Amino acid sequence: NQTDQDSLPPYDVLDDILSLLVEGETRV
């Protein structure tokens, strides 16, 4: 009964945060 969201935020949330951290080098 494993899903990715057991250990990760929902992908729409995760991907927005990642794009800001990786491509944007954005401050927390």
PDB file of all heavy atoms in Angstrom:
ATOM      1  N   ASN A   1       0.812  -1.224   0.000  1.00  0.00           N
ATOM      2  CA  ASN A   1       0.000   0.000   0.000  1.00  0.00           C
ATOM      3  C   ASN A   1       0.845   1.274   0.000  1.00  0.00           C
ATOM      4  O   ASN A   1       0.436   2.308   0.544  1.00  0.00           O
ATOM      5  CB  ASN A   1      -0.946   0.014   1.211  1.00  0.00           C
ATOM      6  CG  ASN A   1      -1.869  -1.186   1.222  1.00  0.00           C
ATOM      7  OD1 ASN A   1      -2.441  -1.559   0.190  1.00  0.00           O
ATOM      8  ND2 ASN A   1      -2.005  -1.821   2.380  1.00  0.00           N
ATOM      9  N   GLN A   2       2.020   1.212  -0.616  1.00  0.00           N
ATOM     10  CA  GLN A   2       2.914   2.365  -0.649  1.00  0.00           C
ATOM     11  C   GLN A   2       2.480   3.359  -1.730  1.00  0.00           C
ATOM     12  O   GLN A   2       2.051   2.980  -2.816  1.00  0.00           O
ATOM     13  CB  GLN A   2       4.348   1.908  -0.946  1.00  0.00           C
ATOM     14  CG  GLN A   2       5.377   3.029  -0.967  1.00  0.00           C
ATOM     15  CD  GLN A   2       6.754   2.516  -1.370  1.00  0.00           C
ATOM     16  OE1 GLN A   2       6.870   1.515  -2.084  1.00  0.00           O
ATOM     17  NE2 GLN A   2       7.787   3.188  -0.901  1.00  0.00           N
ATOM     18  N   THR A   3       2.575   4.662  -1.418  1.00  0.00           N
ATOM     19  CA  THR A   3       2.461   5.699  -2.446  1.00  0.00           C
ATOM     20  C   THR A   3       3.605   6.684  -2.250  1.00  0.00           C
ATOM     21  O   THR A   3       4.176   6.784  -1.149  1.00  0.00           O
ATOM     22  CB  THR A   3       1.125   6.466  -2.374  1.00  0.00           C
ATOM     23  OG1 THR A   3       1.095   7.244  -1.183  1.00  0.00           O
ATOM     24  CG2 THR A   3      -0.065   5.523  -2.419  1.00  0.00           C
ATOM     25  N   ASP A   4       3.930   7.427  -3.282  1.00  0.00           N
ATOM     26  CA  ASP A   4       5.022   8.393  -3.198  1.00  0.00           C
ATOM     27  C   ASP A   4       4.761   9.436  -2.117  1.00  0.00           C
ATOM     28  O   ASP A   4       5.693   9.936  -1.470  1.00  0.00           O
ATOM     29  CB  ASP A   4       5.216   9.098  -4.542  1.00  0.00           C
ATOM     30  CG  ASP A   4       5.755   8.164  -5.619  1.00  0.00           C
ATOM     31  OD1 ASP A   4       5.944   6.958  -5.332  1.00  0.00           O
ATOM     32  OD2 ASP A   4       5.973   8.636  -6.753  1.00  0.00           O
ATOM     33  N   GLN A   5       3.485   9.764  -1.912  1.00  0.00           N
ATOM     34  CA  GLN A   5       3.156  10.822  -0.955  1.00  0.00           C
ATOM     35  C   GLN A   5       3.255  10.373   0.500  1.00  0.00           C
ATOM     36  O   GLN A   5       3.045  11.173   1.414  1.00  0.00           O
ATOM     37  CB  GLN A   5       1.769  11.384  -1.252  1.00  0.00           C
ATOM     38  CG  GLN A   5       1.805  12.574  -2.226  1.00  0.00           C
ATOM     39  CD  GLN A   5       2.487  12.250  -3.554  1.00  0.00           C
ATOM     40  OE1 GLN A   5       1.937  11.515  -4.370  1.00  0.00           O
ATOM     41  NE2 GLN A   5       3.675  12.790  -3.760  1.00  0.00           N
ATOM     42  N   ASP A   6       3.628   9.092   0.723  1.00  0.00           N
ATOM     43  CA  ASP A   6       3.944   8.666   2.089  1.00  0.00           C
ATOM     44  C   ASP A   6       5.164   9.420   2.621  1.00  0.00           C
ATOM     45  O   ASP A   6       5.268   9.684   3.824  1.00  0.00           O
ATOM     46  CB  ASP A   6       4.240   7.164   2.130  1.00  0.00           C
ATOM     47  CG  ASP A   6       3.017   6.322   1.805  1.00  0.00           C
ATOM     48  OD1 ASP A   6       1.896   6.861   1.847  1.00  0.00           O
ATOM     49  OD2 ASP A   6       3.193   5.128   1.471  1.00  0.00           O
ATOM     50  N   SER A   7       6.090   9.761   1.730  1.00  0.00           N
ATOM     51  CA  SER A   7       7.327  10.401   2.169  1.00  0.00           C
ATOM     52  C   SER A   7       7.618  11.721   1.468  1.00  0.00           C
ATOM     53  O   SER A   7       8.573  12.407   1.835  1.00  0.00           O
ATOM     54  CB  SER A   7       8.516   9.450   1.932  1.00  0.00           C
ATOM     55  OG  SER A   7       8.528   8.977   0.598  1.00  0.00           O
ATOM     56  N   LEU A   8       6.796  12.090   0.481  1.00  0.00           N
ATOM     57  CA  LEU A   8       7.009  13.332  -0.259  1.00  0.00           C
ATOM     58  C   LEU A   8       5.749  14.176  -0.255  1.00  0.00           C
ATOM     59  O   LEU A   8       4.639  13.644  -0.169  1.00  0.00           O
ATOM     60  CB  LEU A   8       7.393  13.028  -1.718  1.00  0.00           C
ATOM     61  CG  LEU A   8       8.701  12.272  -1.963  1.00  0.00           C
ATOM     62  CD1 LEU A   8       8.838  11.953  -3.446  1.00  0.00           C
ATOM     63  CD2 LEU A   8       9.904  13.083  -1.474  1.00  0.00           C
ATOM     64  N   PRO A   9       5.872  15.498  -0.391  1.00  0.00           N
ATOM     65  CA  PRO A   9       4.677  16.329  -0.565  1.00  0.00           C
ATOM     66  C   PRO A   9       3.991  15.979  -1.883  1.00  0.00           C
ATOM     67  O   PRO A   9       4.589  15.334  -2.761  1.00  0.00           O
ATOM     68  CB  PRO A   9       5.248  17.761  -0.618  1.00  0.00           C
ATOM     69  CG  PRO A   9       6.643  17.673  -0.139  1.00  0.00           C
ATOM     70  CD  PRO A   9       7.116  16.287  -0.414  1.00  0.00           C
ATOM     71  N   PRO A  10       2.748  16.382  -2.071  1.00  0.00           N
ATOM     72  CA  PRO A  10       2.100  16.201  -3.375  1.00  0.00           C
ATOM     73  C   PRO A  10       2.989  16.789  -4.475  1.00  0.00           C
ATOM     74  O   PRO A  10       3.646  17.822  -4.280  1.00  0.00           O
ATOM     75  CB  PRO A  10       0.790  16.973  -3.228  1.00  0.00           C
ATOM     76  CG  PRO A  10       0.523  16.991  -1.759  1.00  0.00           C
ATOM     77  CD  PRO A  10       1.866  17.042  -1.099  1.00  0.00           C
ATOM     78  N   TYR A  11       2.989  16.158  -5.650  1.00  0.00           N
ATOM     79  CA  TYR A  11       3.954  16.549  -6.673  1.00  0.00           C
ATOM     80  C   TYR A  11       3.758  17.975  -7.182  1.00  0.00           C
ATOM     81  O   TYR A  11       4.729  18.635  -7.567  1.00  0.00           O
ATOM     82  CB  TYR A  11       3.928  15.546  -7.827  1.00  0.00           C
ATOM     83  CG  TYR A  11       4.766  14.324  -7.540  1.00  0.00           C
ATOM     84  CD1 TYR A  11       4.175  13.073  -7.390  1.00  0.00           C
ATOM     85  CD2 TYR A  11       6.144  14.425  -7.403  1.00  0.00           C
ATOM     86  CE1 TYR A  11       4.939  11.954  -7.111  1.00  0.00           C
ATOM     87  CE2 TYR A  11       6.919  13.309  -7.122  1.00  0.00           C
ATOM     88  CZ  TYR A  11       6.313  12.076  -6.980  1.00  0.00           C
ATOM     89  OH  TYR A  11       7.081  10.977  -6.695  1.00  0.00           O
ATOM     90  N   ASP A  12       2.531  18.489  -7.176  1.00  0.00           N
ATOM     91  CA  ASP A  12       2.372  19.872  -7.619  1.00  0.00           C
ATOM     92  C   ASP A  12       3.060  20.825  -6.651  1.00  0.00           C
ATOM     93  O   ASP A  12       3.651  21.841  -7.056  1.00  0.00           O
ATOM     94  CB  ASP A  12       0.893  20.225  -7.806  1.00  0.00           C
ATOM     95  CG  ASP A  12       0.063  20.019  -6.556  1.00  0.00           C
ATOM     96  OD1 ASP A  12       0.517  19.298  -5.635  1.00  0.00           O
ATOM     97  OD2 ASP A  12      -1.057  20.564  -6.489  1.00  0.00           O
ATOM     98  N   VAL A  13       3.022  20.496  -5.357  1.00  0.00           N
ATOM     99  CA  VAL A  13       3.723  21.295  -4.352  1.00  0.00           C
ATOM    100  C   VAL A  13       5.232  21.092  -4.460  1.00  0.00           C
ATOM    101  O   VAL A  13       6.018  22.047  -4.503  1.00  0.00           O
ATOM    102  CB  VAL A  13       3.234  20.929  -2.934  1.00  0.00           C
ATOM    103  CG1 VAL A  13       4.075  21.640  -1.873  1.00  0.00           C
ATOM    104  CG2 VAL A  13       1.762  21.264  -2.773  1.00  0.00           C
ATOM    105  N   LEU A  14       5.631  19.829  -4.500  1.00  0.00           N
ATOM    106  CA  LEU A  14       7.059  19.503  -4.558  1.00  0.00           C
ATOM    107  C   LEU A  14       7.720  20.139  -5.778  1.00  0.00           C
ATOM    108  O   LEU A  14       8.802  20.748  -5.680  1.00  0.00           O
ATOM    109  CB  LEU A  14       7.245  17.988  -4.588  1.00  0.00           C
ATOM    110  CG  LEU A  14       8.689  17.488  -4.739  1.00  0.00           C
ATOM    111  CD1 LEU A  14       9.521  17.892  -3.533  1.00  0.00           C
ATOM    112  CD2 LEU A  14       8.708  15.974  -4.937  1.00  0.00           C
ATOM    113  N   ASP A  15       7.080  20.018  -6.936  1.00  0.00           N
ATOM    114  CA  ASP A  15       7.706  20.498  -8.170  1.00  0.00           C
ATOM    115  C   ASP A  15       7.832  22.013  -8.196  1.00  0.00           C
ATOM    116  O   ASP A  15       8.811  22.563  -8.730  1.00  0.00           O
ATOM    117  CB  ASP A  15       6.923  20.005  -9.381  1.00  0.00           C
ATOM    118  CG  ASP A  15       7.063  18.498  -9.581  1.00  0.00           C
ATOM    119  OD1 ASP A  15       7.864  17.881  -8.853  1.00  0.00           O
ATOM    120  OD2 ASP A  15       6.384  17.950 -10.463  1.00  0.00           O
ATOM    121  N   ASP A  16       6.865  22.709  -7.608  1.00  0.00           N
ATOM    122  CA  ASP A  16       6.978  24.169  -7.549  1.00  0.00           C
ATOM    123  C   ASP A  16       8.136  24.566  -6.649  1.00  0.00           C
ATOM    124  O   ASP A  16       8.928  25.456  -6.994  1.00  0.00           O
ATOM    125  CB  ASP A  16       5.673  24.784  -7.049  1.00  0.00           C
ATOM    126  CG  ASP A  16       5.680  26.304  -7.151  1.00  0.00           C
ATOM    127  OD1 ASP A  16       5.970  26.820  -8.255  1.00  0.00           O
ATOM    128  OD2 ASP A  16       5.415  26.978  -6.148  1.00  0.00           O
ATOM    129  N   ILE A  17       8.260  23.911  -5.498  1.00  0.00           N
ATOM    130  CA  ILE A  17       9.368  24.216  -4.590  1.00  0.00           C
ATOM    131  C   ILE A  17      10.703  23.904  -5.261  1.00  0.00           C
ATOM    132  O   ILE A  17      11.652  24.696  -5.209  1.00  0.00           O
ATOM    133  CB  ILE A  17       9.220  23.426  -3.274  1.00  0.00           C
ATOM    134  CG1 ILE A  17       7.984  23.895  -2.503  1.00  0.00           C
ATOM    135  CG2 ILE A  17      10.477  23.566  -2.417  1.00  0.00           C
ATOM    136  CD1 ILE A  17       7.652  23.036  -1.290  1.00  0.00           C
ATOM    137  N   LEU A  18      10.780  22.759  -5.919  1.00  0.00           N
ATOM    138  CA  LEU A  18      12.031  22.360  -6.554  1.00  0.00           C
ATOM    139  C   LEU A  18      12.431  23.302  -7.687  1.00  0.00           C
ATOM    140  O   LEU A  18      13.605  23.645  -7.838  1.00  0.00           O
ATOM    141  CB  LEU A  18      11.921  20.927  -7.076  1.00  0.00           C
ATOM    142  CG  LEU A  18      11.957  19.838  -6.013  1.00  0.00           C
ATOM    143  CD1 LEU A  18      11.623  18.488  -6.626  1.00  0.00           C
ATOM    144  CD2 LEU A  18      13.321  19.796  -5.333  1.00  0.00           C
ATOM    145  N   SER A  19      11.470  23.703  -8.494  1.00  0.00           N
ATOM    146  CA  SER A  19      11.810  24.597  -9.600  1.00  0.00           C
ATOM    147  C   SER A  19      12.366  25.920  -9.067  1.00  0.00           C
ATOM    148  O   SER A  19      13.275  26.514  -9.660  1.00  0.00           O
ATOM    149  CB  SER A  19      10.597  24.842 -10.500  1.00  0.00           C
ATOM    150  OG  SER A  19       9.586  25.557  -9.819  1.00  0.00           O
ATOM    151  N   LEU A  20      11.853  26.363  -7.934  1.00  0.00           N
ATOM    152  CA  LEU A  20      12.352  27.591  -7.321  1.00  0.00           C
ATOM    153  C   LEU A  20      13.749  27.385  -6.732  1.00  0.00           C
ATOM    154  O   LEU A  20      14.634  28.234  -6.876  1.00  0.00           O
ATOM    155  CB  LEU A  20      11.389  28.069  -6.237  1.00  0.00           C
ATOM    156  CG  LEU A  20      10.031  28.564  -6.744  1.00  0.00           C
ATOM    157  CD1 LEU A  20       9.036  28.676  -5.603  1.00  0.00           C
ATOM    158  CD2 LEU A  20      10.183  29.910  -7.449  1.00  0.00           C
ATOM    159  N   LEU A  21      13.969  26.247  -6.080  1.00  0.00           N
ATOM    160  CA  LEU A  21      15.271  25.975  -5.484  1.00  0.00           C
ATOM    161  C   LEU A  21      16.338  25.689  -6.540  1.00  0.00           C
ATOM    162  O   LEU A  21      17.479  26.152  -6.424  1.00  0.00           O
ATOM    163  CB  LEU A  21      15.175  24.777  -4.538  1.00  0.00           C
ATOM    164  CG  LEU A  21      14.436  24.978  -3.216  1.00  0.00           C
ATOM    165  CD1 LEU A  21      14.251  23.653  -2.499  1.00  0.00           C
ATOM    166  CD2 LEU A  21      15.190  25.968  -2.317  1.00  0.00           C
ATOM    167  N   VAL A  22      15.980  24.937  -7.562  1.00  0.00           N
ATOM    168  CA  VAL A  22      16.975  24.470  -8.536  1.00  0.00           C
ATOM    169  C   VAL A  22      17.192  25.500  -9.640  1.00  0.00           C
ATOM    170  O   VAL A  22      18.311  25.981  -9.847  1.00  0.00           O
ATOM    171  CB  VAL A  22      16.555  23.119  -9.139  1.00  0.00           C
ATOM    172  CG1 VAL A  22      17.547  22.681 -10.221  1.00  0.00           C
ATOM    173  CG2 VAL A  22      16.461  22.057  -8.054  1.00  0.00           C
ATOM    174  N   GLU A  23      16.141  25.825 -10.362  1.00  0.00           N
ATOM    175  CA  GLU A  23      16.304  26.764 -11.470  1.00  0.00           C
ATOM    176  C   GLU A  23      16.417  28.217 -10.987  1.00  0.00           C
ATOM    177  O   GLU A  23      17.141  29.010 -11.566  1.00  0.00           O
ATOM    178  CB  GLU A  23      15.152  26.659 -12.455  1.00  0.00           C
ATOM    179  CG  GLU A  23      15.256  25.490 -13.410  1.00  0.00           C
ATOM    180  CD  GLU A  23      14.323  24.358 -13.038  1.00  0.00           C
ATOM    181  OE1 GLU A  23      13.132  24.420 -13.364  1.00  0.00           O
ATOM    182  OE2 GLU A  23      14.807  23.401 -12.413  1.00  0.00           O
ATOM    183  N   GLY A  24      15.693  28.539  -9.904  1.00  0.00           N
ATOM    184  CA  GLY A  24      15.654  29.923  -9.446  1.00  0.00           C
ATOM    185  C   GLY A  24      16.650  30.276  -8.369  1.00  0.00           C
ATOM    186  O   GLY A  24      16.886  31.463  -8.115  1.00  0.00           O
ATOM    187  N   GLU A  25      17.261  29.266  -7.711  1.00  0.00           N
ATOM    188  CA  GLU A  25      18.143  29.520  -6.555  1.00  0.00           C
ATOM    189  C   GLU A  25      17.449  30.460  -5.562  1.00  0.00           C
ATOM    190  O   GLU A  25      18.071  31.351  -4.974  1.00  0.00           O
ATOM    191  CB  GLU A  25      19.487  30.117  -7.004  1.00  0.00           C
ATOM    192  CG  GLU A  25      20.289  29.230  -7.944  1.00  0.00           C
ATOM    193  CD  GLU A  25      20.885  28.007  -7.260  1.00  0.00           C
ATOM    194  OE1 GLU A  25      20.639  27.809  -6.060  1.00  0.00           O
ATOM    195  OE2 GLU A  25      21.584  27.243  -7.939  1.00  0.00           O
ATOM    196  N   THR A  26      16.165  30.237  -5.353  1.00  0.00           N
ATOM    197  CA  THR A  26      15.336  31.144  -4.558  1.00  0.00           C
ATOM    198  C   THR A  26      15.538  30.913  -3.062  1.00  0.00           C
ATOM    199  O   THR A  26      15.714  29.777  -2.609  1.00  0.00           O
ATOM    200  CB  THR A  26      13.852  30.932  -4.917  1.00  0.00           C
ATOM    201  OG1 THR A  26      13.713  31.004  -6.341  1.00  0.00           O
ATOM    202  CG2 THR A  26      12.964  31.971  -4.276  1.00  0.00           C
ATOM    203  N   ARG A  27      15.498  31.985  -2.293  1.00  0.00           N
ATOM    204  CA  ARG A  27      15.600  31.883  -0.835  1.00  0.00           C
ATOM    205  C   ARG A  27      14.395  31.122  -0.270  1.00  0.00           C
ATOM    206  O   ARG A  27      13.284  31.222  -0.783  1.00  0.00           O
ATOM    207  CB  ARG A  27      15.615  33.270  -0.200  1.00  0.00           C
ATOM    208  CG  ARG A  27      16.791  34.143  -0.575  1.00  0.00           C
ATOM    209  CD  ARG A  27      16.607  35.527   0.015  1.00  0.00           C
ATOM    210  NE  ARG A  27      17.675  36.426  -0.392  1.00  0.00           N
ATOM    211  CZ  ARG A  27      18.852  36.515   0.216  1.00  0.00           C
ATOM    212  NH1 ARG A  27      19.085  35.761   1.291  1.00  0.00           N
ATOM    213  NH2 ARG A  27      19.777  37.340  -0.220  1.00  0.00           N
ATOM    214  N   VAL A  28      14.629  30.403   0.821  1.00  0.00           N
ATOM    215  CA  VAL A  28      13.538  29.713   1.514  1.00  0.00           C
ATOM    216  C   VAL A  28      12.451  30.715   1.918  1.00  0.00           C
ATOM    217  O   VAL A  28      11.256  30.453   1.763  1.00  0.00           O
ATOM    218  CB  VAL A  28      14.078  28.949   2.737  1.00  0.00           C
ATOM    219  CG1 VAL A  28      12.932  28.528   3.667  1.00  0.00           C
ATOM    220  CG2 VAL A  28      14.880  27.726   2.292  1.00  0.00           C
TER     221      VAL A  28
END
